[in-house]
N, C-alpha and C. Protein backbone atom coordinates (compact mmCIF):
# COMPACT_ATOMS: atom_id res chain seq x y z
N MET A 1 94.54 -9.97 -103.14
CA MET A 1 94.46 -9.30 -101.83
C MET A 1 95.22 -10.09 -100.76
N GLU A 2 95.10 -11.41 -100.87
CA GLU A 2 95.81 -12.27 -99.90
C GLU A 2 97.31 -12.16 -100.07
N GLU A 3 97.76 -12.08 -101.36
CA GLU A 3 99.20 -11.94 -101.61
C GLU A 3 99.72 -10.60 -101.09
N PHE A 4 98.90 -9.55 -101.24
CA PHE A 4 99.30 -8.23 -100.73
C PHE A 4 99.44 -8.26 -99.20
N GLY A 5 98.53 -8.98 -98.55
CA GLY A 5 98.62 -9.11 -97.09
C GLY A 5 99.89 -9.84 -96.68
N LYS A 6 100.24 -10.90 -97.41
CA LYS A 6 101.47 -11.62 -97.09
C LYS A 6 102.69 -10.73 -97.27
N ILE A 7 102.67 -9.90 -98.36
CA ILE A 7 103.81 -9.00 -98.60
C ILE A 7 103.95 -7.99 -97.46
N VAL A 8 102.81 -7.40 -97.03
CA VAL A 8 102.85 -6.42 -95.94
C VAL A 8 103.34 -7.07 -94.65
N LYS A 9 102.86 -8.30 -94.40
CA LYS A 9 103.28 -9.02 -93.19
C LYS A 9 104.77 -9.29 -93.22
N GLY A 10 105.30 -9.72 -94.41
CA GLY A 10 106.72 -9.99 -94.52
C GLY A 10 107.56 -8.74 -94.32
N LEU A 11 107.11 -7.61 -94.93
CA LEU A 11 107.84 -6.35 -94.73
C LEU A 11 107.85 -5.93 -93.27
N ALA A 12 106.69 -6.06 -92.59
CA ALA A 12 106.64 -5.68 -91.18
C ALA A 12 107.57 -6.55 -90.34
N ARG A 13 107.57 -7.85 -90.64
CA ARG A 13 108.46 -8.75 -89.88
C ARG A 13 109.92 -8.43 -90.17
N GLY A 14 110.25 -8.08 -91.42
CA GLY A 14 111.63 -7.74 -91.74
C GLY A 14 112.09 -6.48 -91.03
N ILE A 15 111.22 -5.46 -91.03
CA ILE A 15 111.57 -4.22 -90.33
C ILE A 15 111.74 -4.47 -88.83
N ALA A 16 110.81 -5.26 -88.26
CA ALA A 16 110.93 -5.57 -86.84
C ALA A 16 112.20 -6.35 -86.54
N LEU A 17 112.58 -7.28 -87.45
CA LEU A 17 113.81 -8.06 -87.25
C LEU A 17 115.03 -7.16 -87.30
N VAL A 18 115.05 -6.21 -88.26
CA VAL A 18 116.19 -5.31 -88.39
C VAL A 18 116.34 -4.44 -87.14
N ILE A 19 115.20 -4.03 -86.56
CA ILE A 19 115.27 -3.18 -85.37
C ILE A 19 115.58 -3.99 -84.12
N TYR A 20 114.97 -5.19 -84.00
CA TYR A 20 115.06 -5.96 -82.75
C TYR A 20 116.36 -6.76 -82.66
N PHE A 21 116.83 -7.33 -83.81
CA PHE A 21 117.95 -8.27 -83.77
C PHE A 21 119.22 -7.66 -83.21
N PRO A 22 119.64 -6.44 -83.57
CA PRO A 22 120.90 -5.91 -83.00
C PRO A 22 120.86 -5.79 -81.48
N PHE A 23 119.74 -5.30 -80.96
CA PHE A 23 119.64 -5.16 -79.50
C PHE A 23 119.66 -6.53 -78.82
N TYR A 24 118.95 -7.50 -79.39
CA TYR A 24 118.95 -8.84 -78.80
C TYR A 24 120.33 -9.46 -78.87
N PHE A 25 121.06 -9.27 -80.00
CA PHE A 25 122.41 -9.82 -80.15
C PHE A 25 123.35 -9.19 -79.12
N ILE A 26 123.27 -7.86 -78.97
CA ILE A 26 124.12 -7.19 -77.97
C ILE A 26 123.81 -7.69 -76.56
N TYR A 27 122.49 -7.87 -76.26
CA TYR A 27 122.10 -8.37 -74.94
C TYR A 27 122.67 -9.76 -74.68
N LYS A 28 122.59 -10.67 -75.66
CA LYS A 28 123.12 -12.02 -75.47
C LYS A 28 124.63 -12.01 -75.34
N VAL A 29 125.31 -11.13 -76.10
CA VAL A 29 126.78 -11.04 -75.98
C VAL A 29 127.16 -10.56 -74.58
N ILE A 30 126.47 -9.52 -74.09
CA ILE A 30 126.77 -9.02 -72.74
C ILE A 30 126.46 -10.09 -71.69
N GLU A 31 125.35 -10.81 -71.88
CA GLU A 31 125.00 -11.88 -70.94
C GLU A 31 126.06 -12.96 -70.94
N TRP A 32 126.57 -13.37 -72.13
CA TRP A 32 127.60 -14.41 -72.20
C TRP A 32 128.90 -13.93 -71.54
N ILE A 33 129.27 -12.67 -71.81
CA ILE A 33 130.48 -12.13 -71.19
C ILE A 33 130.33 -12.10 -69.67
N TRP A 34 129.15 -11.67 -69.18
CA TRP A 34 128.93 -11.60 -67.74
C TRP A 34 128.98 -12.97 -67.08
N ILE A 35 128.37 -13.98 -67.72
CA ILE A 35 128.30 -15.30 -67.11
C ILE A 35 129.64 -16.02 -67.19
N TYR A 36 130.23 -16.06 -68.39
CA TYR A 36 131.38 -16.94 -68.61
C TYR A 36 132.73 -16.24 -68.44
N LEU A 37 132.79 -14.92 -68.56
CA LEU A 37 134.07 -14.23 -68.44
C LEU A 37 134.21 -13.43 -67.15
N ILE A 38 133.09 -13.12 -66.47
CA ILE A 38 133.18 -12.32 -65.24
C ILE A 38 132.68 -13.11 -64.03
N MET A 39 131.40 -13.54 -64.06
CA MET A 39 130.81 -14.14 -62.87
C MET A 39 131.43 -15.49 -62.54
N THR A 40 131.59 -16.37 -63.55
CA THR A 40 132.14 -17.70 -63.27
C THR A 40 133.58 -17.63 -62.78
N PRO A 41 134.49 -16.86 -63.43
CA PRO A 41 135.85 -16.76 -62.87
C PRO A 41 135.88 -16.12 -61.48
N CYS A 42 135.07 -15.07 -61.29
CA CYS A 42 135.05 -14.45 -59.96
C CYS A 42 134.52 -15.41 -58.90
N GLN A 43 133.50 -16.19 -59.27
CA GLN A 43 132.97 -17.17 -58.32
C GLN A 43 134.02 -18.22 -57.99
N TRP A 44 134.73 -18.73 -59.01
CA TRP A 44 135.78 -19.72 -58.75
C TRP A 44 136.89 -19.10 -57.91
N LEU A 45 137.26 -17.84 -58.23
CA LEU A 45 138.31 -17.17 -57.48
C LEU A 45 137.91 -16.99 -56.01
N TRP A 46 136.64 -16.63 -55.76
CA TRP A 46 136.17 -16.45 -54.39
C TRP A 46 136.12 -17.77 -53.62
N ILE A 47 135.60 -18.82 -54.27
CA ILE A 47 135.44 -20.09 -53.58
C ILE A 47 136.78 -20.75 -53.29
N HIS A 48 137.70 -20.74 -54.26
CA HIS A 48 138.93 -21.52 -54.12
C HIS A 48 140.12 -20.72 -53.60
N ILE A 49 140.08 -19.40 -53.65
CA ILE A 49 141.26 -18.63 -53.25
C ILE A 49 140.92 -17.60 -52.17
N LEU A 50 140.03 -16.66 -52.50
CA LEU A 50 139.80 -15.54 -51.59
C LEU A 50 139.16 -15.97 -50.28
N GLU A 51 138.10 -16.79 -50.36
CA GLU A 51 137.41 -17.18 -49.13
C GLU A 51 138.31 -17.98 -48.19
N PRO A 52 139.07 -19.00 -48.67
CA PRO A 52 139.99 -19.69 -47.74
C PRO A 52 141.05 -18.76 -47.15
N VAL A 53 141.58 -17.84 -47.98
CA VAL A 53 142.61 -16.94 -47.47
C VAL A 53 142.03 -16.01 -46.41
N ILE A 54 140.84 -15.44 -46.68
CA ILE A 54 140.21 -14.55 -45.70
C ILE A 54 139.85 -15.30 -44.43
N ARG A 55 139.33 -16.54 -44.58
CA ARG A 55 139.01 -17.33 -43.40
C ARG A 55 140.26 -17.62 -42.58
N PHE A 56 141.37 -17.95 -43.23
CA PHE A 56 142.63 -18.21 -42.53
C PHE A 56 143.12 -16.96 -41.80
N ILE A 57 143.03 -15.80 -42.49
CA ILE A 57 143.49 -14.56 -41.86
C ILE A 57 142.64 -14.22 -40.65
N LEU A 58 141.30 -14.30 -40.82
CA LEU A 58 140.42 -13.97 -39.70
C LEU A 58 140.61 -14.91 -38.52
N LYS A 59 140.87 -16.17 -38.80
CA LYS A 59 140.95 -17.14 -37.71
C LYS A 59 142.32 -17.16 -37.05
N TYR A 60 143.40 -17.25 -37.85
CA TYR A 60 144.72 -17.50 -37.28
C TYR A 60 145.57 -16.25 -37.13
N ILE A 61 145.33 -15.22 -37.93
CA ILE A 61 146.16 -14.02 -37.85
C ILE A 61 145.49 -12.93 -37.02
N ILE A 62 144.15 -12.84 -37.13
CA ILE A 62 143.42 -11.81 -36.37
C ILE A 62 142.71 -12.39 -35.16
N GLY A 63 142.04 -13.55 -35.33
CA GLY A 63 141.21 -14.09 -34.26
C GLY A 63 141.98 -14.49 -33.03
N TYR A 64 142.98 -15.37 -33.17
CA TYR A 64 143.72 -15.85 -32.01
C TYR A 64 144.49 -14.73 -31.30
N PRO A 65 145.19 -13.84 -32.03
CA PRO A 65 145.85 -12.73 -31.31
C PRO A 65 144.86 -11.85 -30.55
N LEU A 66 143.72 -11.52 -31.18
CA LEU A 66 142.72 -10.72 -30.47
C LEU A 66 142.21 -11.45 -29.24
N TYR A 67 142.01 -12.77 -29.37
CA TYR A 67 141.49 -13.54 -28.23
C TYR A 67 142.46 -13.54 -27.07
N TYR A 68 143.76 -13.81 -27.37
CA TYR A 68 144.73 -13.92 -26.28
C TYR A 68 145.26 -12.56 -25.81
N VAL A 69 145.28 -11.56 -26.70
CA VAL A 69 145.85 -10.27 -26.33
C VAL A 69 144.80 -9.33 -25.74
N ILE A 70 143.55 -9.40 -26.25
CA ILE A 70 142.53 -8.44 -25.81
C ILE A 70 141.43 -9.11 -24.98
N TRP A 71 140.81 -10.18 -25.53
CA TRP A 71 139.63 -10.76 -24.88
C TRP A 71 139.95 -11.38 -23.53
N LEU A 72 140.99 -12.22 -23.46
CA LEU A 72 141.31 -12.86 -22.19
C LEU A 72 141.73 -11.85 -21.12
N PRO A 73 142.61 -10.87 -21.43
CA PRO A 73 142.92 -9.88 -20.38
C PRO A 73 141.71 -9.06 -19.94
N LEU A 74 140.87 -8.64 -20.91
CA LEU A 74 139.67 -7.89 -20.53
C LEU A 74 138.71 -8.75 -19.72
N SER A 75 138.58 -10.03 -20.10
CA SER A 75 137.71 -10.92 -19.33
C SER A 75 138.22 -11.09 -17.91
N TRP A 76 139.53 -11.29 -17.77
CA TRP A 76 140.10 -11.43 -16.43
C TRP A 76 139.94 -10.14 -15.64
N LEU A 77 140.18 -8.99 -16.32
CA LEU A 77 140.04 -7.70 -15.65
C LEU A 77 138.60 -7.47 -15.18
N TRP A 78 137.62 -7.84 -16.03
CA TRP A 78 136.21 -7.68 -15.65
C TRP A 78 135.83 -8.60 -14.50
N GLN A 79 136.29 -9.85 -14.58
CA GLN A 79 135.86 -10.84 -13.59
C GLN A 79 136.50 -10.61 -12.23
N TYR A 80 137.77 -10.23 -12.19
CA TYR A 80 138.49 -10.17 -10.92
C TYR A 80 138.73 -8.75 -10.41
N VAL A 81 138.51 -7.73 -11.24
CA VAL A 81 138.77 -6.36 -10.80
C VAL A 81 137.52 -5.49 -10.90
N LEU A 82 137.01 -5.32 -12.12
CA LEU A 82 135.92 -4.38 -12.32
C LEU A 82 134.63 -4.83 -11.65
N LEU A 83 134.25 -6.10 -11.86
CA LEU A 83 133.00 -6.59 -11.28
C LEU A 83 133.00 -6.54 -9.76
N PRO A 84 134.06 -7.02 -9.06
CA PRO A 84 134.06 -6.87 -7.60
C PRO A 84 134.00 -5.41 -7.14
N VAL A 85 134.73 -4.51 -7.85
CA VAL A 85 134.68 -3.10 -7.47
C VAL A 85 133.28 -2.53 -7.65
N LEU A 86 132.64 -2.85 -8.78
CA LEU A 86 131.28 -2.35 -9.03
C LEU A 86 130.29 -2.92 -8.02
N LEU A 87 130.43 -4.22 -7.69
CA LEU A 87 129.54 -4.80 -6.68
C LEU A 87 129.75 -4.16 -5.32
N PHE A 88 131.01 -3.89 -4.98
CA PHE A 88 131.28 -3.23 -3.70
C PHE A 88 130.66 -1.83 -3.67
N ILE A 89 130.85 -1.09 -4.79
CA ILE A 89 130.27 0.26 -4.84
C ILE A 89 128.75 0.19 -4.74
N TRP A 90 128.14 -0.79 -5.45
CA TRP A 90 126.68 -0.92 -5.43
C TRP A 90 126.17 -1.29 -4.04
N ARG A 91 126.81 -2.27 -3.40
CA ARG A 91 126.29 -2.77 -2.13
C ARG A 91 126.56 -1.82 -0.97
N TYR A 92 127.78 -1.29 -0.90
CA TYR A 92 128.18 -0.56 0.30
C TYR A 92 128.22 0.96 0.13
N LEU A 93 128.09 1.43 -1.10
CA LEU A 93 128.14 2.88 -1.29
C LEU A 93 126.86 3.41 -1.92
N PHE A 94 126.48 2.86 -3.08
CA PHE A 94 125.32 3.41 -3.78
C PHE A 94 124.03 3.13 -3.02
N VAL A 95 123.87 1.91 -2.49
CA VAL A 95 122.64 1.58 -1.76
C VAL A 95 122.50 2.48 -0.54
N TRP A 96 123.63 2.70 0.17
CA TRP A 96 123.57 3.57 1.35
C TRP A 96 123.26 5.01 0.96
N VAL A 97 123.95 5.50 -0.10
CA VAL A 97 123.69 6.87 -0.56
C VAL A 97 122.25 7.02 -1.04
N TRP A 98 121.75 5.99 -1.75
CA TRP A 98 120.38 6.06 -2.26
C TRP A 98 119.36 6.07 -1.12
N SER A 99 119.50 5.14 -0.19
CA SER A 99 118.51 5.03 0.88
C SER A 99 118.61 6.17 1.89
N THR A 100 119.81 6.73 2.07
CA THR A 100 120.01 7.75 3.11
C THR A 100 119.88 9.17 2.57
N ILE A 101 120.36 9.41 1.36
CA ILE A 101 120.42 10.79 0.86
C ILE A 101 119.52 10.99 -0.36
N LEU A 102 119.75 10.18 -1.41
CA LEU A 102 119.09 10.45 -2.68
C LEU A 102 117.58 10.24 -2.60
N TYR A 103 117.15 9.08 -2.06
CA TYR A 103 115.72 8.80 -2.04
C TYR A 103 114.93 9.81 -1.22
N PRO A 104 115.37 10.19 0.02
CA PRO A 104 114.60 11.23 0.73
C PRO A 104 114.55 12.56 -0.02
N VAL A 105 115.70 12.94 -0.62
CA VAL A 105 115.70 14.20 -1.37
C VAL A 105 114.73 14.14 -2.55
N ILE A 106 114.82 13.04 -3.32
CA ILE A 106 113.94 12.90 -4.49
C ILE A 106 112.48 12.80 -4.05
N TYR A 107 112.23 12.07 -2.95
CA TYR A 107 110.84 11.89 -2.51
C TYR A 107 110.23 13.20 -2.06
N TYR A 108 110.94 13.95 -1.17
CA TYR A 108 110.34 15.16 -0.60
C TYR A 108 110.42 16.36 -1.52
N ILE A 109 111.30 16.34 -2.52
CA ILE A 109 111.43 17.48 -3.42
C ILE A 109 110.64 17.27 -4.72
N ILE A 110 110.57 16.01 -5.19
CA ILE A 110 109.95 15.75 -6.49
C ILE A 110 108.66 14.94 -6.35
N ILE A 111 108.76 13.75 -5.72
CA ILE A 111 107.61 12.84 -5.71
C ILE A 111 106.47 13.38 -4.86
N TYR A 112 106.77 13.82 -3.63
CA TYR A 112 105.70 14.29 -2.74
C TYR A 112 104.96 15.50 -3.30
N PRO A 113 105.66 16.53 -3.84
CA PRO A 113 104.90 17.64 -4.45
C PRO A 113 104.04 17.20 -5.64
N ILE A 114 104.57 16.27 -6.46
CA ILE A 114 103.77 15.80 -7.59
C ILE A 114 102.53 15.07 -7.11
N VAL A 115 102.69 14.18 -6.10
CA VAL A 115 101.53 13.45 -5.56
C VAL A 115 100.53 14.41 -4.93
N TRP A 116 101.03 15.40 -4.16
CA TRP A 116 100.12 16.36 -3.52
C TRP A 116 99.38 17.18 -4.57
N LEU A 117 100.12 17.62 -5.61
CA LEU A 117 99.48 18.40 -6.68
C LEU A 117 98.44 17.57 -7.41
N TRP A 118 98.76 16.30 -7.65
CA TRP A 118 97.79 15.42 -8.31
C TRP A 118 96.56 15.18 -7.44
N LYS A 119 96.79 14.92 -6.16
CA LYS A 119 95.68 14.57 -5.27
C LYS A 119 94.79 15.76 -5.00
N HIS A 120 95.38 16.94 -4.71
CA HIS A 120 94.59 18.10 -4.31
C HIS A 120 94.34 19.08 -5.44
N GLY A 121 94.96 18.86 -6.59
CA GLY A 121 94.77 19.80 -7.69
C GLY A 121 94.17 19.14 -8.92
N ILE A 122 95.00 18.41 -9.64
CA ILE A 122 94.57 17.84 -10.92
C ILE A 122 93.47 16.80 -10.71
N TYR A 123 93.68 15.87 -9.74
CA TYR A 123 92.68 14.84 -9.51
C TYR A 123 91.37 15.44 -9.03
N ALA A 124 91.45 16.45 -8.15
CA ALA A 124 90.22 17.09 -7.66
C ALA A 124 89.47 17.76 -8.80
N ILE A 125 90.20 18.42 -9.70
CA ILE A 125 89.54 19.08 -10.83
C ILE A 125 88.90 18.05 -11.75
N PHE A 126 89.65 16.98 -12.07
CA PHE A 126 89.09 15.94 -12.92
C PHE A 126 87.91 15.24 -12.25
N ASN A 127 88.01 15.02 -10.94
CA ASN A 127 86.91 14.38 -10.21
C ASN A 127 85.66 15.26 -10.24
N TRP A 128 85.85 16.57 -10.06
CA TRP A 128 84.69 17.48 -10.11
C TRP A 128 84.08 17.49 -11.51
N ILE A 129 84.94 17.57 -12.53
CA ILE A 129 84.43 17.56 -13.91
C ILE A 129 83.69 16.26 -14.19
N TRP A 130 84.25 15.12 -13.70
CA TRP A 130 83.62 13.82 -13.95
C TRP A 130 82.26 13.73 -13.27
N ASN A 131 82.22 14.07 -11.96
CA ASN A 131 80.98 13.90 -11.20
C ASN A 131 79.93 14.95 -11.52
N GLU A 132 80.37 16.20 -11.71
CA GLU A 132 79.41 17.29 -11.87
C GLU A 132 79.06 17.60 -13.32
N VAL A 133 79.88 17.15 -14.25
CA VAL A 133 79.62 17.49 -15.65
C VAL A 133 79.37 16.23 -16.48
N ILE A 134 80.39 15.35 -16.53
CA ILE A 134 80.30 14.21 -17.45
C ILE A 134 79.20 13.25 -17.03
N VAL A 135 79.15 12.91 -15.72
CA VAL A 135 78.13 11.95 -15.25
C VAL A 135 76.73 12.51 -15.46
N VAL A 136 76.54 13.80 -15.13
CA VAL A 136 75.21 14.42 -15.30
C VAL A 136 74.81 14.45 -16.76
N VAL A 137 75.75 14.90 -17.62
CA VAL A 137 75.45 14.95 -19.05
C VAL A 137 75.17 13.56 -19.61
N ALA A 138 75.97 12.57 -19.18
CA ALA A 138 75.75 11.20 -19.66
C ALA A 138 74.40 10.67 -19.21
N HIS A 139 74.01 10.97 -17.95
CA HIS A 139 72.72 10.50 -17.43
C HIS A 139 71.56 11.08 -18.23
N TRP A 140 71.57 12.41 -18.39
CA TRP A 140 70.45 13.02 -19.11
C TRP A 140 70.50 12.71 -20.60
N SER A 141 71.67 12.48 -21.13
CA SER A 141 71.75 12.01 -22.52
C SER A 141 71.12 10.63 -22.66
N TYR A 142 71.41 9.75 -21.67
CA TYR A 142 70.79 8.42 -21.68
C TYR A 142 69.28 8.53 -21.58
N VAL A 143 68.79 9.43 -20.68
CA VAL A 143 67.34 9.61 -20.54
C VAL A 143 66.73 10.11 -21.84
N ALA A 144 67.38 11.09 -22.47
CA ALA A 144 66.85 11.64 -23.72
C ALA A 144 66.85 10.61 -24.83
N VAL A 145 67.95 9.86 -24.94
CA VAL A 145 68.03 8.84 -25.99
C VAL A 145 67.01 7.74 -25.74
N ALA A 146 66.85 7.32 -24.47
CA ALA A 146 65.85 6.30 -24.16
C ALA A 146 64.45 6.78 -24.50
N TRP A 147 64.16 8.07 -24.19
CA TRP A 147 62.84 8.62 -24.51
C TRP A 147 62.62 8.65 -26.02
N LEU A 148 63.66 9.07 -26.76
CA LEU A 148 63.54 9.09 -28.22
C LEU A 148 63.32 7.69 -28.78
N PHE A 149 64.09 6.72 -28.26
CA PHE A 149 63.91 5.35 -28.74
C PHE A 149 62.52 4.83 -28.40
N ARG A 150 62.02 5.20 -27.20
CA ARG A 150 60.68 4.75 -26.82
C ARG A 150 59.63 5.35 -27.73
N VAL A 151 59.75 6.66 -28.01
CA VAL A 151 58.80 7.31 -28.91
C VAL A 151 58.89 6.73 -30.31
N ILE A 152 60.14 6.58 -30.80
CA ILE A 152 60.32 6.02 -32.14
C ILE A 152 59.82 4.58 -32.19
N GLY A 153 60.09 3.81 -31.11
CA GLY A 153 59.63 2.43 -31.08
C GLY A 153 58.12 2.34 -31.07
N GLN A 154 57.45 3.21 -30.30
CA GLN A 154 55.98 3.20 -30.31
C GLN A 154 55.44 3.58 -31.68
N GLY A 155 56.08 4.57 -32.30
CA GLY A 155 55.64 4.94 -33.64
C GLY A 155 55.81 3.80 -34.63
N LEU A 156 56.98 3.14 -34.58
CA LEU A 156 57.18 1.98 -35.46
C LEU A 156 56.22 0.86 -35.13
N TYR A 157 55.88 0.70 -33.83
CA TYR A 157 54.93 -0.35 -33.43
C TYR A 157 53.58 -0.11 -34.08
N TYR A 158 53.10 1.13 -33.99
CA TYR A 158 51.78 1.42 -34.56
C TYR A 158 51.82 1.50 -36.08
N ILE A 159 52.96 1.88 -36.64
CA ILE A 159 53.04 2.02 -38.09
C ILE A 159 53.31 0.69 -38.79
N LEU A 160 54.19 -0.13 -38.20
CA LEU A 160 54.63 -1.34 -38.88
C LEU A 160 54.11 -2.62 -38.24
N TRP A 161 54.30 -2.76 -36.90
CA TRP A 161 54.05 -4.04 -36.28
C TRP A 161 52.57 -4.43 -36.28
N ILE A 162 51.68 -3.47 -35.99
CA ILE A 162 50.25 -3.81 -35.95
C ILE A 162 49.74 -4.24 -37.33
N PRO A 163 50.04 -3.51 -38.43
CA PRO A 163 49.62 -4.03 -39.74
C PRO A 163 50.25 -5.38 -40.08
N ILE A 164 51.56 -5.53 -39.75
CA ILE A 164 52.21 -6.81 -40.05
C ILE A 164 51.57 -7.93 -39.24
N ARG A 165 51.25 -7.67 -37.96
CA ARG A 165 50.61 -8.69 -37.15
C ARG A 165 49.23 -9.03 -37.69
N TRP A 166 48.45 -8.01 -38.10
CA TRP A 166 47.12 -8.27 -38.64
C TRP A 166 47.20 -9.09 -39.92
N ILE A 167 48.17 -8.72 -40.81
CA ILE A 167 48.33 -9.48 -42.06
C ILE A 167 48.75 -10.91 -41.76
N THR A 168 49.69 -11.07 -40.79
CA THR A 168 50.16 -12.41 -40.46
C THR A 168 49.04 -13.27 -39.89
N ILE A 169 48.26 -12.71 -38.96
CA ILE A 169 47.18 -13.48 -38.34
C ILE A 169 46.08 -13.77 -39.35
N THR A 170 45.70 -12.77 -40.15
CA THR A 170 44.55 -12.92 -41.05
C THR A 170 44.88 -13.77 -42.26
N LEU A 171 46.03 -13.54 -42.85
CA LEU A 171 46.33 -14.20 -44.12
C LEU A 171 47.17 -15.46 -43.98
N ILE A 172 47.86 -15.63 -42.83
CA ILE A 172 48.74 -16.80 -42.70
C ILE A 172 48.28 -17.71 -41.57
N TRP A 173 48.15 -17.16 -40.34
CA TRP A 173 47.87 -18.00 -39.18
C TRP A 173 46.48 -18.63 -39.24
N ILE A 174 45.44 -17.85 -39.54
CA ILE A 174 44.08 -18.39 -39.58
C ILE A 174 43.92 -19.43 -40.69
N PRO A 175 44.38 -19.18 -41.94
CA PRO A 175 44.29 -20.24 -42.95
C PRO A 175 45.08 -21.49 -42.58
N LEU A 176 46.31 -21.31 -42.04
CA LEU A 176 47.08 -22.49 -41.64
C LEU A 176 46.40 -23.25 -40.52
N LYS A 177 45.81 -22.54 -39.57
CA LYS A 177 45.09 -23.20 -38.48
C LYS A 177 43.89 -23.96 -39.01
N TRP A 178 43.12 -23.34 -39.93
CA TRP A 178 41.95 -24.02 -40.50
C TRP A 178 42.37 -25.25 -41.27
N ILE A 179 43.46 -25.12 -42.07
CA ILE A 179 43.94 -26.28 -42.85
C ILE A 179 44.42 -27.39 -41.93
N SER A 180 45.20 -27.03 -40.89
CA SER A 180 45.72 -28.06 -39.99
C SER A 180 44.61 -28.75 -39.20
N VAL A 181 43.55 -27.99 -38.83
CA VAL A 181 42.47 -28.60 -38.05
C VAL A 181 41.53 -29.39 -38.94
N ASN A 182 41.06 -28.81 -40.04
CA ASN A 182 40.01 -29.42 -40.84
C ASN A 182 40.53 -30.40 -41.88
N LEU A 183 41.75 -30.22 -42.34
CA LEU A 183 42.26 -31.09 -43.39
C LEU A 183 43.29 -32.10 -42.89
N ILE A 184 43.84 -31.88 -41.70
CA ILE A 184 44.85 -32.82 -41.19
C ILE A 184 44.41 -33.46 -39.89
N TYR A 185 44.12 -32.64 -38.86
CA TYR A 185 43.82 -33.19 -37.54
C TYR A 185 42.51 -33.97 -37.52
N LEU A 186 41.41 -33.38 -38.00
CA LEU A 186 40.11 -34.06 -37.95
C LEU A 186 40.08 -35.32 -38.82
N PRO A 187 40.62 -35.31 -40.07
CA PRO A 187 40.66 -36.58 -40.82
C PRO A 187 41.50 -37.65 -40.13
N LEU A 188 42.65 -37.27 -39.58
CA LEU A 188 43.47 -38.27 -38.87
C LEU A 188 42.76 -38.77 -37.63
N LYS A 189 42.04 -37.88 -36.93
CA LYS A 189 41.28 -38.31 -35.75
C LYS A 189 40.17 -39.28 -36.13
N TRP A 190 39.48 -38.97 -37.24
CA TRP A 190 38.40 -39.87 -37.69
C TRP A 190 38.97 -41.22 -38.09
N ILE A 191 40.13 -41.21 -38.82
CA ILE A 191 40.75 -42.48 -39.22
C ILE A 191 41.16 -43.28 -38.00
N TYR A 192 41.70 -42.60 -36.98
CA TYR A 192 42.12 -43.32 -35.78
C TYR A 192 40.92 -43.89 -35.04
N GLN A 193 39.84 -43.08 -34.89
CA GLN A 193 38.69 -43.52 -34.11
C GLN A 193 37.89 -44.61 -34.82
N HIS A 194 37.77 -44.58 -36.15
CA HIS A 194 36.88 -45.49 -36.86
C HIS A 194 37.61 -46.61 -37.60
N ILE A 195 38.91 -46.50 -37.82
CA ILE A 195 39.62 -47.53 -38.59
C ILE A 195 40.70 -48.21 -37.76
N ILE A 196 41.52 -47.43 -37.06
CA ILE A 196 42.66 -48.01 -36.34
C ILE A 196 42.27 -48.46 -34.94
N ALA A 197 41.54 -47.64 -34.19
CA ALA A 197 41.24 -47.96 -32.79
C ALA A 197 40.33 -49.17 -32.62
N PRO A 198 39.22 -49.34 -33.43
CA PRO A 198 38.33 -50.50 -33.18
C PRO A 198 39.02 -51.85 -33.26
N PRO A 199 39.87 -52.15 -34.27
CA PRO A 199 40.53 -53.47 -34.25
C PRO A 199 41.43 -53.66 -33.03
N PHE A 200 42.19 -52.62 -32.66
CA PHE A 200 43.06 -52.76 -31.49
C PHE A 200 42.23 -52.91 -30.21
N ARG A 201 41.08 -52.22 -30.15
CA ARG A 201 40.22 -52.35 -28.98
C ARG A 201 39.63 -53.77 -28.90
N TRP A 202 39.23 -54.32 -30.06
CA TRP A 202 38.68 -55.69 -30.07
C TRP A 202 39.76 -56.69 -29.67
N LEU A 203 41.00 -56.51 -30.23
CA LEU A 203 42.10 -57.41 -29.86
C LEU A 203 42.41 -57.31 -28.38
N HIS A 204 42.37 -56.10 -27.83
CA HIS A 204 42.66 -55.94 -26.42
C HIS A 204 41.60 -56.59 -25.54
N ASN A 205 40.33 -56.44 -25.90
CA ASN A 205 39.25 -56.96 -25.04
C ASN A 205 39.05 -58.46 -25.18
N HIS A 206 39.26 -59.04 -26.40
CA HIS A 206 38.92 -60.43 -26.64
C HIS A 206 40.12 -61.37 -26.71
N ILE A 207 41.34 -60.83 -26.90
CA ILE A 207 42.50 -61.74 -27.04
C ILE A 207 43.57 -61.41 -26.01
N TRP A 208 44.09 -60.16 -26.03
CA TRP A 208 45.23 -59.86 -25.17
C TRP A 208 44.86 -59.91 -23.69
N LYS A 209 43.76 -59.28 -23.33
CA LYS A 209 43.38 -59.25 -21.92
C LYS A 209 42.99 -60.63 -21.40
N PRO A 210 42.13 -61.44 -22.13
CA PRO A 210 41.84 -62.81 -21.64
C PRO A 210 43.10 -63.68 -21.56
N THR A 211 43.99 -63.53 -22.55
CA THR A 211 45.22 -64.35 -22.53
C THR A 211 46.08 -63.98 -21.33
N ALA A 212 46.23 -62.68 -21.06
CA ALA A 212 47.01 -62.26 -19.90
C ALA A 212 46.38 -62.75 -18.61
N THR A 213 45.05 -62.72 -18.53
CA THR A 213 44.36 -63.20 -17.33
C THR A 213 44.55 -64.71 -17.17
N TRP A 214 44.52 -65.45 -18.29
CA TRP A 214 44.70 -66.91 -18.25
C TRP A 214 46.10 -67.27 -17.76
N PHE A 215 47.15 -66.56 -18.31
CA PHE A 215 48.52 -66.82 -17.85
C PHE A 215 48.68 -66.46 -16.38
N LYS A 216 48.03 -65.41 -15.96
CA LYS A 216 48.12 -65.00 -14.56
C LYS A 216 47.51 -66.04 -13.65
N ASP A 217 46.34 -66.61 -14.07
CA ASP A 217 45.70 -67.65 -13.25
C ASP A 217 46.54 -68.90 -13.20
N ILE A 218 47.21 -69.25 -14.33
CA ILE A 218 48.04 -70.47 -14.34
C ILE A 218 49.21 -70.32 -13.38
N PHE A 219 49.92 -69.20 -13.44
CA PHE A 219 51.10 -69.04 -12.58
C PHE A 219 50.72 -68.86 -11.13
N GLN A 220 49.51 -68.37 -10.86
CA GLN A 220 49.10 -68.28 -9.46
C GLN A 220 48.73 -69.65 -8.92
């Protein structure tokens, strides 16, 4: 059985090799042609020939003539002709036309009617809707929601909080209070009153206080 398995495995591997190997071989051949016969020569050609030639053409054949023939004349024309003319038109013609003719026409024909319509029409309607509808509805909605929350809260108080409080007080607070008083506070109080306090009281009355009085009498 083991030998039969090895035979089947070998046949499967052979069939897979026959199917896979031609495609893999073609892929590696195409990859080698692309890397060593196309990409590498093209890269060398671009780095050592085409790029320097294109850079030289752009800089010395196209760049400098464009700079001296087009850019410098246009720059001079803009700086000494167009810009002063535009500034003159802006300062002495457009500003005067705007302030004297255009702005009054635009204000009284467009802006003033829009402002009047907004103030006495649209704004008044929105103001009435806001004050008479939205504010009233919001107020009574708040009152209704507050009433519902109050009713629901009272119901939850009587349904949940009172039983929880009774359980907490009866089963937790009272036993903890009894334990803290009878098992912790009273035993510690008895230990302090009958074991710790008497020696300190005796030391205070018979040693510390007479010694302090003796030192006080000496220094006086």
